[in-house]
């Protein structure tokens, strides 16, 4: 049995042990605004429901373990004590991950992730239209748990209104666990899918993805590529060069053969085959081969 005194190991190592042990954790996909109305969207897995009367949600945007900075979400709820908390399902997990990128203040993660702002009825921050369940909340308290890197900040929220996509309800009007298809966080890059088990999503921590908004419009509007596909495509730092695309075409006869006659839909299907194998670079090369 490994025995650890939390005070005797570095915070990043302690964080890895904690998040590896305490899981799976539900994800609060929180939308906030600052005093100037700029929208922010970010996921937090230090999250749960803590009561029904009144209905209370709590999530924690922790201070950075690297440089002790605070997250834009925390800054925003201190300026405008409102938020929406959106539940993440498998169909949007790649876009949710892309929204966790450390974009500069003022960058709208809805735009970067390709997710849709849905106007709220009771609060200023928008809901995530694609989320199966959306909570509009007022922030009744923000409780800091420390002032050093890695310290949590409890954002205590009272639910003012909730919205449930009827597609996730069963015949009796209750939420069906298979239909809602939630995902949750575990340690490192690992997630759990409620109805299927473990899968991995690389974190966009060490790079800044171009964002879904920078994907060419004809690709964004594809009827073949899903939101998750677009999320993976938007998580690259740069597009392949013309030389890389030419070399790829020269080495892949199926692509070379299809270039002259294949429809845009066919090329998107070919790219999706690469995305399903998590080969994002080749998916981009296919998509840009005819441009």
C-alpha atoms as a PDB file:
ATOM      1  CA  UNK A   1       0.000   0.000   0.000  1.00  0.00           C
ATOM      2  CA  UNK A   2       1.418   3.363  -1.067  1.00  0.00           C
ATOM      3  CA  UNK A   3       0.913   5.926   1.714  1.00  0.00           C
ATOM      4  CA  UNK A   4       1.173   9.629   0.864  1.00  0.00           C
ATOM      5  CA  UNK A   5       1.207  12.800   2.916  1.00  0.00           C
ATOM      6  CA  UNK A   6      -0.364  15.374   0.541  1.00  0.00           C
ATOM      7  CA  UNK A   7       1.935  18.078   1.888  1.00  0.00           C
ATOM      8  CA  UNK A   8       5.050  16.130   0.901  1.00  0.00           C
ATOM      9  CA  UNK A   9       4.511  15.714  -2.857  1.00  0.00           C
ATOM     10  CA  UNK A  10       4.271  18.331  -5.640  1.00  0.00           C
ATOM     11  CA  UNK A  11       0.791  19.658  -6.382  1.00  0.00           C
ATOM     12  CA  UNK A  12       0.705  18.301  -9.974  1.00  0.00           C
ATOM     13  CA  UNK A  13       1.505  14.794  -8.700  1.00  0.00           C
ATOM     14  CA  UNK A  14      -1.150  15.088  -5.996  1.00  0.00           C
ATOM     15  CA  UNK A  15      -3.661  16.341  -8.572  1.00  0.00           C
ATOM     16  CA  UNK A  16      -2.938  13.299 -10.759  1.00  0.00           C
ATOM     17  CA  UNK A  17      -3.533  10.929  -7.844  1.00  0.00           C
ATOM     18  CA  UNK A  18      -6.735  12.695  -6.806  1.00  0.00           C
ATOM     19  CA  UNK A  19      -8.289  12.814 -10.258  1.00  0.00           C
ATOM     20  CA  UNK A  20      -7.151   9.271 -10.990  1.00  0.00           C
ATOM     21  CA  UNK A  21      -8.774   7.989  -7.803  1.00  0.00           C
ATOM     22  CA  UNK A  22     -11.941  10.085  -7.565  1.00  0.00           C
ATOM     23  CA  UNK A  23     -13.977   9.254 -10.619  1.00  0.00           C
ATOM     24  CA  UNK A  24     -15.811   9.025 -12.820  1.00  0.00           C
ATOM     25  CA  UNK A  25     -16.747  12.679 -12.258  1.00  0.00           C
ATOM     26  CA  UNK A  26     -19.664  14.454 -13.980  1.00  0.00           C
ATOM     27  CA  UNK A  27     -18.821  17.481 -16.099  1.00  0.00           C
ATOM     28  CA  UNK A  28     -20.234  20.977 -15.619  1.00  0.00           C
ATOM     29  CA  UNK A  29     -20.004  22.750 -18.969  1.00  0.00           C
ATOM     30  CA  UNK A  30     -20.323  26.269 -17.598  1.00  0.00           C
ATOM     31  CA  UNK A  31     -21.228  29.353 -19.603  1.00  0.00           C
ATOM     32  CA  UNK A  32     -20.546  32.770 -18.029  1.00  0.00           C
ATOM     33  CA  UNK A  33     -20.249  36.415 -19.050  1.00  0.00           C
ATOM     34  CA  UNK A  34     -18.025  39.221 -17.797  1.00  0.00           C
ATOM     35  CA  UNK A  35     -19.209  42.722 -16.918  1.00  0.00           C
ATOM     36  CA  UNK A  36     -18.840  43.754 -20.579  1.00  0.00           C
ATOM     37  CA  UNK A  37     -20.987  40.858 -21.795  1.00  0.00           C
ATOM     38  CA  UNK A  38     -18.156  38.738 -23.246  1.00  0.00           C
ATOM     39  CA  UNK A  39     -19.152  35.058 -23.195  1.00  0.00           C
ATOM     40  CA  UNK A  40     -16.948  32.257 -21.859  1.00  0.00           C
ATOM     41  CA  UNK A  41     -17.548  28.509 -21.995  1.00  0.00           C
ATOM     42  CA  UNK A  42     -15.471  25.956 -20.066  1.00  0.00           C
ATOM     43  CA  UNK A  43     -15.830  22.427 -18.605  1.00  0.00           C
ATOM     44  CA  UNK A  44     -15.219  21.503 -14.956  1.00  0.00           C
ATOM     45  CA  UNK A  45     -15.251  18.001 -13.513  1.00  0.00           C
ATOM     46  CA  UNK A  46     -15.075  19.099  -9.884  1.00  0.00           C
ATOM     47  CA  UNK A  47     -18.873  19.202  -9.973  1.00  0.00           C
ATOM     48  CA  UNK A  48     -22.060  17.703  -8.575  1.00  0.00           C
ATOM     49  CA  UNK A  49     -25.650  18.333  -7.438  1.00  0.00           C
ATOM     50  CA  UNK A  50     -26.002  19.104  -3.726  1.00  0.00           C
ATOM     51  CA  UNK A  51     -29.719  19.475  -3.052  1.00  0.00           C
ATOM     52  CA  UNK A  52     -33.205  19.647  -4.533  1.00  0.00           C
ATOM     53  CA  UNK A  53     -34.966  22.125  -2.255  1.00  0.00           C
ATOM     54  CA  UNK A  54     -33.515  24.558  -3.145  1.00  0.00           C
ATOM     55  CA  UNK A  55     -31.905  22.922  -6.198  1.00  0.00           C
ATOM     56  CA  UNK A  56     -28.156  23.455  -5.857  1.00  0.00           C
ATOM     57  CA  UNK A  57     -25.229  22.724  -8.173  1.00  0.00           C
ATOM     58  CA  UNK A  58     -21.600  23.284  -7.178  1.00  0.00           C
ATOM     59  CA  UNK A  59     -18.537  23.307  -9.422  1.00  0.00           C
ATOM     60  CA  UNK A  60     -14.973  24.409  -8.805  1.00  0.00           C
ATOM     61  CA  UNK A  61     -12.710  26.353 -11.198  1.00  0.00           C
ATOM     62  CA  UNK A  62      -9.369  25.682  -9.533  1.00  0.00           C
ATOM     63  CA  UNK A  63      -6.376  27.995  -9.574  1.00  0.00           C
ATOM     64  CA  UNK A  64      -3.713  26.971 -12.067  1.00  0.00           C
ATOM     65  CA  UNK A  65      -1.189  24.565 -10.589  1.00  0.00           C
ATOM     66  CA  UNK A  66       1.429  25.968 -12.978  1.00  0.00           C
ATOM     67  CA  UNK A  67       1.228  29.720 -12.367  1.00  0.00           C
ATOM     68  CA  UNK A  68      -1.592  30.250  -9.810  1.00  0.00           C
ATOM     69  CA  UNK A  69      -3.739  32.229 -12.252  1.00  0.00           C
ATOM     70  CA  UNK A  70      -7.516  32.108 -11.985  1.00  0.00           C
ATOM     71  CA  UNK A  71      -9.820  30.867 -14.714  1.00  0.00           C
ATOM     72  CA  UNK A  72     -11.979  33.250 -16.734  1.00  0.00           C
ATOM     73  CA  UNK A  73     -15.054  31.428 -15.431  1.00  0.00           C
ATOM     74  CA  UNK A  74     -14.177  32.340 -11.852  1.00  0.00           C
ATOM     75  CA  UNK A  75     -13.399  35.945 -12.787  1.00  0.00           C
ATOM     76  CA  UNK A  76     -16.720  36.191 -14.623  1.00  0.00           C
ATOM     77  CA  UNK A  77     -18.991  34.853 -11.872  1.00  0.00           C
ATOM     78  CA  UNK A  78     -17.386  37.296  -9.458  1.00  0.00           C
ATOM     79  CA  UNK A  79     -18.343  40.116 -11.861  1.00  0.00           C
ATOM     80  CA  UNK A  80     -21.733  38.742 -12.995  1.00  0.00           C
ATOM     81  CA  UNK A  81     -23.053  36.136 -10.516  1.00  0.00           C
ATOM     82  CA  UNK A  82     -24.920  34.036 -13.073  1.00  0.00           C
ATOM     83  CA  UNK A  83     -24.111  30.997 -15.206  1.00  0.00           C
ATOM     84  CA  UNK A  84     -25.568  28.141 -17.130  1.00  0.00           C
ATOM     85  CA  UNK A  85     -24.444  24.597 -16.416  1.00  0.00           C
ATOM     86  CA  UNK A  86     -24.798  22.256 -19.363  1.00  0.00           C
ATOM     87  CA  UNK A  87     -24.587  18.458 -19.272  1.00  0.00           C
ATOM     88  CA  UNK A  88     -22.106  16.850 -21.669  1.00  0.00           C
ATOM     89  CA  UNK A  89     -23.039  13.789 -23.704  1.00  0.00           C
ATOM     90  CA  UNK A  90     -20.884  11.699 -26.005  1.00  0.00           C
ATOM     91  CA  UNK A  91     -22.030  13.489 -29.161  1.00  0.00           C
ATOM     92  CA  UNK A  92     -20.356  16.731 -28.041  1.00  0.00           C
ATOM     93  CA  UNK A  93     -17.345  15.498 -26.057  1.00  0.00           C
ATOM     94  CA  UNK A  94     -14.725  16.502 -28.643  1.00  0.00           C
ATOM     95  CA  UNK A  95     -16.155  20.017 -28.886  1.00  0.00           C
ATOM     96  CA  UNK A  96     -16.302  20.227 -25.091  1.00  0.00           C
ATOM     97  CA  UNK A  97     -12.627  19.228 -24.930  1.00  0.00           C
ATOM     98  CA  UNK A  98     -11.724  21.877 -27.512  1.00  0.00           C
ATOM     99  CA  UNK A  99     -13.513  24.490 -25.371  1.00  0.00           C
ATOM    100  CA  UNK A 100     -11.147  23.631 -22.501  1.00  0.00           C
ATOM    101  CA  UNK A 101      -8.245  25.153 -24.458  1.00  0.00           C
ATOM    102  CA  UNK A 102      -6.652  28.101 -22.656  1.00  0.00           C
ATOM    103  CA  UNK A 103      -7.765  30.726 -25.153  1.00  0.00           C
ATOM    104  CA  UNK A 104      -7.079  34.382 -24.372  1.00  0.00           C
ATOM    105  CA  UNK A 105      -9.632  36.381 -22.394  1.00  0.00           C
ATOM    106  CA  UNK A 106     -12.370  37.668 -24.678  1.00  0.00           C
ATOM    107  CA  UNK A 107     -12.240  34.671 -27.037  1.00  0.00           C
ATOM    108  CA  UNK A 108     -15.668  33.036 -27.236  1.00  0.00           C
ATOM    109  CA  UNK A 109     -15.318  29.250 -26.804  1.00  0.00           C
ATOM    110  CA  UNK A 110     -18.757  28.751 -28.359  1.00  0.00           C
ATOM    111  CA  UNK A 111     -17.251  30.070 -31.590  1.00  0.00           C
ATOM    112  CA  UNK A 112     -14.023  28.095 -31.247  1.00  0.00           C
ATOM    113  CA  UNK A 113     -15.800  24.816 -30.448  1.00  0.00           C
ATOM    114  CA  UNK A 114     -18.565  25.244 -33.020  1.00  0.00           C
ATOM    115  CA  UNK A 115     -21.265  24.909 -30.369  1.00  0.00           C
ATOM    116  CA  UNK A 116     -24.438  26.964 -30.463  1.00  0.00           C
ATOM    117  CA  UNK A 117     -25.407  29.765 -28.091  1.00  0.00           C
ATOM    118  CA  UNK A 118     -29.036  29.390 -27.004  1.00  0.00           C
ATOM    119  CA  UNK A 119     -30.445  32.503 -25.275  1.00  0.00           C
ATOM    120  CA  UNK A 120     -31.350  31.866 -21.651  1.00  0.00           C
ATOM    121  CA  UNK A 121     -34.659  32.972 -20.167  1.00  0.00           C
ATOM    122  CA  UNK A 122     -33.580  33.970 -16.646  1.00  0.00           C
ATOM    123  CA  UNK A 123     -29.850  34.770 -16.829  1.00  0.00           C
ATOM    124  CA  UNK A 124     -27.404  36.545 -19.139  1.00  0.00           C
ATOM    125  CA  UNK A 125     -25.061  33.643 -20.051  1.00  0.00           C
ATOM    126  CA  UNK A 126     -26.375  31.493 -22.917  1.00  0.00           C
ATOM    127  CA  UNK A 127     -27.069  27.779 -22.741  1.00  0.00           C
ATOM    128  CA  UNK A 128     -25.324  25.229 -24.972  1.00  0.00           C
ATOM    129  CA  UNK A 129     -28.048  24.287 -27.453  1.00  0.00           C
ATOM    130  CA  UNK A 130     -26.538  20.861 -28.133  1.00  0.00           C
ATOM    131  CA  UNK A 131     -26.510  19.854 -24.440  1.00  0.00           C
ATOM    132  CA  UNK A 132     -29.219  17.331 -23.504  1.00  0.00           C
ATOM    133  CA  UNK A 133     -29.891  19.163 -20.219  1.00  0.00           C
ATOM    134  CA  UNK A 134     -29.270  22.847 -19.496  1.00  0.00           C
ATOM    135  CA  UNK A 135     -29.500  24.626 -16.136  1.00  0.00           C
ATOM    136  CA  UNK A 136     -29.904  28.383 -15.776  1.00  0.00           C
ATOM    137  CA  UNK A 137     -28.428  29.413 -12.433  1.00  0.00           C
ATOM    138  CA  UNK A 138     -27.783  32.334 -10.142  1.00  0.00           C
ATOM    139  CA  UNK A 139     -24.506  32.160  -8.230  1.00  0.00           C
ATOM    140  CA  UNK A 140     -25.337  32.519  -4.543  1.00  0.00           C
ATOM    141  CA  UNK A 141     -21.792  32.196  -3.224  1.00  0.00           C
ATOM    142  CA  UNK A 142     -18.206  31.750  -4.367  1.00  0.00           C
ATOM    143  CA  UNK A 143     -16.119  30.135  -1.646  1.00  0.00           C
ATOM    144  CA  UNK A 144     -12.341  30.158  -2.153  1.00  0.00           C
ATOM    145  CA  UNK A 145     -10.575  27.149  -0.628  1.00  0.00           C
ATOM    146  CA  UNK A 146      -7.076  28.593  -0.744  1.00  0.00           C
ATOM    147  CA  UNK A 147      -4.884  31.143  -2.484  1.00  0.00           C
ATOM    148  CA  UNK A 148      -2.148  28.915  -3.921  1.00  0.00           C
ATOM    149  CA  UNK A 149      -1.883  27.014  -7.205  1.00  0.00           C
ATOM    150  CA  UNK A 150      -4.291  24.065  -7.301  1.00  0.00           C
ATOM    151  CA  UNK A 151      -6.713  25.579  -4.770  1.00  0.00           C
ATOM    152  CA  UNK A 152     -10.396  25.173  -5.530  1.00  0.00           C
ATOM    153  CA  UNK A 153     -13.119  27.816  -5.640  1.00  0.00           C
ATOM    154  CA  UNK A 154     -16.616  26.517  -4.955  1.00  0.00           C
ATOM    155  CA  UNK A 155     -19.164  28.191  -7.223  1.00  0.00           C
ATOM    156  CA  UNK A 156     -22.471  27.497  -5.462  1.00  0.00           C
ATOM    157  CA  UNK A 157     -25.401  27.848  -7.846  1.00  0.00           C
ATOM    158  CA  UNK A 158     -29.153  27.823  -7.382  1.00  0.00           C
ATOM    159  CA  UNK A 159     -31.042  26.483 -10.389  1.00  0.00           C
ATOM    160  CA  UNK A 160     -33.626  28.974 -11.648  1.00  0.00           C
ATOM    161  CA  UNK A 161     -34.760  27.001 -14.676  1.00  0.00           C
ATOM    162  CA  UNK A 162     -33.812  23.748 -16.375  1.00  0.00           C
ATOM    163  CA  UNK A 163     -34.324  22.595 -19.941  1.00  0.00           C
ATOM    164  CA  UNK A 164     -34.401  18.908 -20.935  1.00  0.00           C
ATOM    165  CA  UNK A 165     -34.259  17.682 -24.516  1.00  0.00           C
ATOM    166  CA  UNK A 166     -37.326  15.458 -24.884  1.00  0.00           C
ATOM    167  CA  UNK A 167     -35.291  13.017 -26.971  1.00  0.00           C
ATOM    168  CA  UNK A 168     -33.577  11.781 -23.768  1.00  0.00           C
ATOM    169  CA  UNK A 169     -36.853  11.034 -21.940  1.00  0.00           C
ATOM    170  CA  UNK A 170     -38.413   7.591 -21.606  1.00  0.00           C
ATOM    171  CA  UNK A 171     -42.098   6.736 -21.986  1.00  0.00           C
ATOM    172  CA  UNK A 172     -42.777   7.910 -18.430  1.00  0.00           C
ATOM    173  CA  UNK A 173     -41.116  11.305 -18.835  1.00  0.00           C
ATOM    174  CA  UNK A 174     -37.990  10.367 -16.856  1.00  0.00           C
ATOM    175  CA  UNK A 175     -34.433  10.797 -18.160  1.00  0.00           C
ATOM    176  CA  UNK A 176     -33.293   7.554 -19.783  1.00  0.00           C
ATOM    177  CA  UNK A 177     -29.624   6.843 -18.902  1.00  0.00           C
ATOM    178  CA  UNK A 178     -28.995   5.226 -22.280  1.00  0.00           C
ATOM    179  CA  UNK A 179     -30.573   8.043 -24.266  1.00  0.00           C
ATOM    180  CA  UNK A 180     -28.815  10.865 -22.428  1.00  0.00           C
ATOM    181  CA  UNK A 181     -25.461   9.127 -23.035  1.00  0.00           C
ATOM    182  CA  UNK A 182     -23.469  11.195 -20.514  1.00  0.00           C
ATOM    183  CA  UNK A 183     -19.711  11.264 -20.310  1.00  0.00           C
ATOM    184  CA  UNK A 184     -17.568  11.781 -17.223  1.00  0.00           C
ATOM    185  CA  UNK A 185     -13.933  12.509 -16.402  1.00  0.00           C
ATOM    186  CA  UNK A 186     -11.335  10.227 -14.943  1.00  0.00           C
ATOM    187  CA  UNK A 187      -7.574  10.688 -14.595  1.00  0.00           C
ATOM    188  CA  UNK A 188      -5.196  12.058 -17.257  1.00  0.00           C
ATOM    189  CA  UNK A 189      -6.858  12.001 -20.714  1.00  0.00           C
ATOM    190  CA  UNK A 190      -9.421   9.374 -19.768  1.00  0.00           C
ATOM    191  CA  UNK A 191     -13.190   9.672 -19.839  1.00  0.00           C
ATOM    192  CA  UNK A 192     -15.990   7.242 -19.149  1.00  0.00           C
ATOM    193  CA  UNK A 193     -19.118   6.885 -21.263  1.00  0.00           C
ATOM    194  CA  UNK A 194     -22.100   5.991 -19.099  1.00  0.00           C
ATOM    195  CA  UNK A 195     -23.319   3.237 -21.387  1.00  0.00           C
ATOM    196  CA  UNK A 196     -20.027   2.018 -22.850  1.00  0.00           C
ATOM    197  CA  UNK A 197     -17.070   2.541 -20.512  1.00  0.00           C
ATOM    198  CA  UNK A 198     -13.629   4.045 -21.026  1.00  0.00           C
ATOM    199  CA  UNK A 199     -12.319   6.128 -23.929  1.00  0.00           C
ATOM    200  CA  UNK A 200      -9.514   8.675 -24.312  1.00  0.00           C
ATOM    201  CA  UNK A 201      -9.559  12.307 -25.484  1.00  0.00           C
ATOM    202  CA  UNK A 202      -6.167  14.086 -25.742  1.00  0.00           C
ATOM    203  CA  UNK A 203      -6.209  17.302 -23.711  1.00  0.00           C
ATOM    204  CA  UNK A 204      -5.646  20.578 -25.598  1.00  0.00           C
ATOM    205  CA  UNK A 205      -3.331  21.800 -22.820  1.00  0.00           C
ATOM    206  CA  UNK A 206       0.035  22.030 -24.535  1.00  0.00           C
ATOM    207  CA  UNK A 207      -1.318  23.515 -27.754  1.00  0.00           C
ATOM    208  CA  UNK A 208      -3.943  25.968 -28.969  1.00  0.00           C
ATOM    209  CA  UNK A 209      -6.224  24.480 -31.596  1.00  0.00           C
ATOM    210  CA  UNK A 210      -7.308  26.593 -34.559  1.00  0.00           C
ATOM    211  CA  UNK A 211     -10.945  26.208 -33.501  1.00  0.00           C
ATOM    212  CA  UNK A 212     -14.000  25.089 -35.438  1.00  0.00           C
ATOM    213  CA  UNK A 213     -14.529  28.684 -36.601  1.00  0.00           C
ATOM    214  CA  UNK A 214     -11.337  28.454 -38.679  1.00  0.00           C
ATOM    215  CA  UNK A 215     -12.457  25.321 -40.543  1.00  0.00           C
ATOM    216  CA  UNK A 216     -13.559  26.115 -44.144  1.00  0.00           C
ATOM    217  CA  UNK A 217     -17.307  26.642 -44.318  1.00  0.00           C
ATOM    218  CA  UNK A 218     -18.017  23.779 -46.734  1.00  0.00           C
ATOM    219  CA  UNK A 219     -16.388  21.402 -44.227  1.00  0.00           C
ATOM    220  CA  UNK A 220     -18.177  22.939 -41.222  1.00  0.00           C
ATOM    221  CA  UNK A 221     -21.495  22.513 -43.048  1.00  0.00           C
ATOM    222  CA  UNK A 222     -20.816  18.888 -43.983  1.00  0.00           C
ATOM    223  CA  UNK A 223     -23.724  16.486 -43.683  1.00  0.00           C
ATOM    224  CA  UNK A 224     -21.229  13.666 -43.084  1.00  0.00           C
ATOM    225  CA  UNK A 225     -18.981  15.082 -40.342  1.00  0.00           C
ATOM    226  CA  UNK A 226     -20.348  15.250 -36.803  1.00  0.00           C
ATOM    227  CA  UNK A 227     -19.748  17.794 -34.057  1.00  0.00           C
ATOM    228  CA  UNK A 228     -17.173  15.446 -32.557  1.00  0.00           C
ATOM    229  CA  UNK A 229     -15.433  15.238 -35.942  1.00  0.00           C
ATOM    230  CA  UNK A 230     -15.316  19.029 -36.204  1.00  0.00           C
ATOM    231  CA  UNK A 231     -14.011  19.215 -32.643  1.00  0.00           C
ATOM    232  CA  UNK A 232     -11.073  16.965 -33.561  1.00  0.00           C
ATOM    233  CA  UNK A 233     -10.380  18.934 -36.745  1.00  0.00           C
ATOM    234  CA  UNK A 234     -10.458  22.196 -34.786  1.00  0.00           C
ATOM    235  CA  UNK A 235      -7.948  20.918 -32.251  1.00  0.00           C
ATOM    236  CA  UNK A 236      -4.962  21.026 -34.628  1.00  0.00           C
ATOM    237  CA  UNK A 237      -2.506  23.895 -34.271  1.00  0.00           C
ATOM    238  CA  UNK A 238      -2.021  24.343 -38.018  1.00  0.00           C
ATOM    239  CA  UNK A 239      -3.243  22.900 -41.300  1.00  0.00           C
ATOM    240  CA  UNK A 240      -1.060  20.609 -43.422  1.00  0.00           C
ATOM    241  CA  UNK A 241       1.168  22.314 -45.969  1.00  0.00           C
ATOM    242  CA  UNK A 242       0.736  21.912 -49.736  1.00  0.00           C
ATOM    243  CA  UNK A 243       3.832  19.683 -49.806  1.00  0.00           C
ATOM    244  CA  UNK A 244       2.403  17.451 -47.074  1.00  0.00           C
ATOM    245  CA  UNK A 245      -0.885  17.161 -48.966  1.00  0.00           C
ATOM    246  CA  UNK A 246       0.907  16.384 -52.250  1.00  0.00           C
ATOM    247  CA  UNK A 247       3.068  13.709 -50.607  1.00  0.00           C
ATOM    248  CA  UNK A 248      -0.001  12.188 -48.980  1.00  0.00           C
ATOM    249  CA  UNK A 249      -1.850  12.021 -52.316  1.00  0.00           C
ATOM    250  CA  UNK A 250       1.181  10.451 -53.995  1.00  0.00           C
ATOM    251  CA  UNK A 251       1.361   7.742 -51.332  1.00  0.00           C
ATOM    252  CA  UNK A 252      -2.369   6.905 -51.247  1.00  0.00           C
ATOM    253  CA  UNK A 253      -3.755   5.505 -54.478  1.00  0.00           C
ATOM    254  CA  UNK A 254      -7.352   5.514 -53.223  1.00  0.00           C
ATOM    255  CA  UNK A 255      -7.217   9.254 -52.630  1.00  0.00           C
ATOM    256  CA  UNK A 256      -5.420   9.877 -55.934  1.00  0.00           C
ATOM    257  CA  UNK A 257      -7.997   7.815 -57.832  1.00  0.00           C
ATOM    258  CA  UNK A 258     -10.957   9.592 -56.266  1.00  0.00           C
ATOM    259  CA  UNK A 259      -9.668  13.144 -56.643  1.00  0.00           C
ATOM    260  CA  UNK A 260     -10.742  13.615 -60.249  1.00  0.00           C
ATOM    261  CA  UNK A 261     -14.283  12.288 -59.957  1.00  0.00           C
ATOM    262  CA  UNK A 262     -15.238  12.035 -56.301  1.00  0.00           C
ATOM    263  CA  UNK A 263     -17.929  14.293 -54.899  1.00  0.00           C
ATOM    264  CA  UNK A 264     -17.383  16.459 -51.848  1.00  0.00           C
ATOM    265  CA  UNK A 265     -19.550  14.000 -49.911  1.00  0.00           C
ATOM    266  CA  UNK A 266     -17.280  11.100 -50.885  1.00  0.00           C
ATOM    267  CA  UNK A 267     -14.192  12.979 -49.750  1.00  0.00           C
ATOM    268  CA  UNK A 268     -15.881  13.816 -46.448  1.00  0.00           C
ATOM    269  CA  UNK A 269     -16.726  10.138 -45.947  1.00  0.00           C
ATOM    270  CA  UNK A 270     -13.092   9.241 -46.621  1.00  0.00           C
ATOM    271  CA  UNK A 271     -11.939  11.870 -44.123  1.00  0.00           C
ATOM    272  CA  UNK A 272     -14.403  10.557 -41.562  1.00  0.00           C
ATOM    273  CA  UNK A 273     -12.861   7.084 -41.842  1.00  0.00           C
ATOM    274  CA  UNK A 274      -9.554   8.620 -40.741  1.00  0.00           C
ATOM    275  CA  UNK A 275     -11.241  10.577 -37.941  1.00  0.00           C
ATOM    276  CA  UNK A 276     -12.904   7.412 -36.664  1.00  0.00           C
ATOM    277  CA  UNK A 277      -9.370   6.004 -36.344  1.00  0.00           C
ATOM    278  CA  UNK A 278      -8.238   9.238 -34.580  1.00  0.00           C
ATOM    279  CA  UNK A 279      -5.929  10.064 -37.498  1.00  0.00           C
ATOM    280  CA  UNK A 280      -6.736  13.780 -37.685  1.00  0.00           C
ATOM    281  CA  UNK A 281      -3.728  14.777 -39.806  1.00  0.00           C
ATOM    282  CA  UNK A 282      -4.676  12.467 -42.677  1.00  0.00           C
ATOM    283  CA  UNK A 283      -8.316  13.517 -42.391  1.00  0.00           C
ATOM    284  CA  UNK A 284      -7.222  17.116 -42.999  1.00  0.00           C
ATOM    285  CA  UNK A 285      -5.058  16.045 -45.945  1.00  0.00           C
ATOM    286  CA  UNK A 286      -8.053  14.340 -47.548  1.00  0.00           C
ATOM    287  CA  UNK A 287     -10.326  17.321 -46.935  1.00  0.00           C
ATOM    288  CA  UNK A 288      -7.836  19.780 -48.442  1.00  0.00           C
ATOM    289  CA  UNK A 289      -6.748  17.580 -51.340  1.00  0.00           C
ATOM    290  CA  UNK A 290      -9.269  19.070 -53.798  1.00  0.00           C
ATOM    291  CA  UNK A 291      -8.988  22.692 -52.658  1.00  0.00           C
END
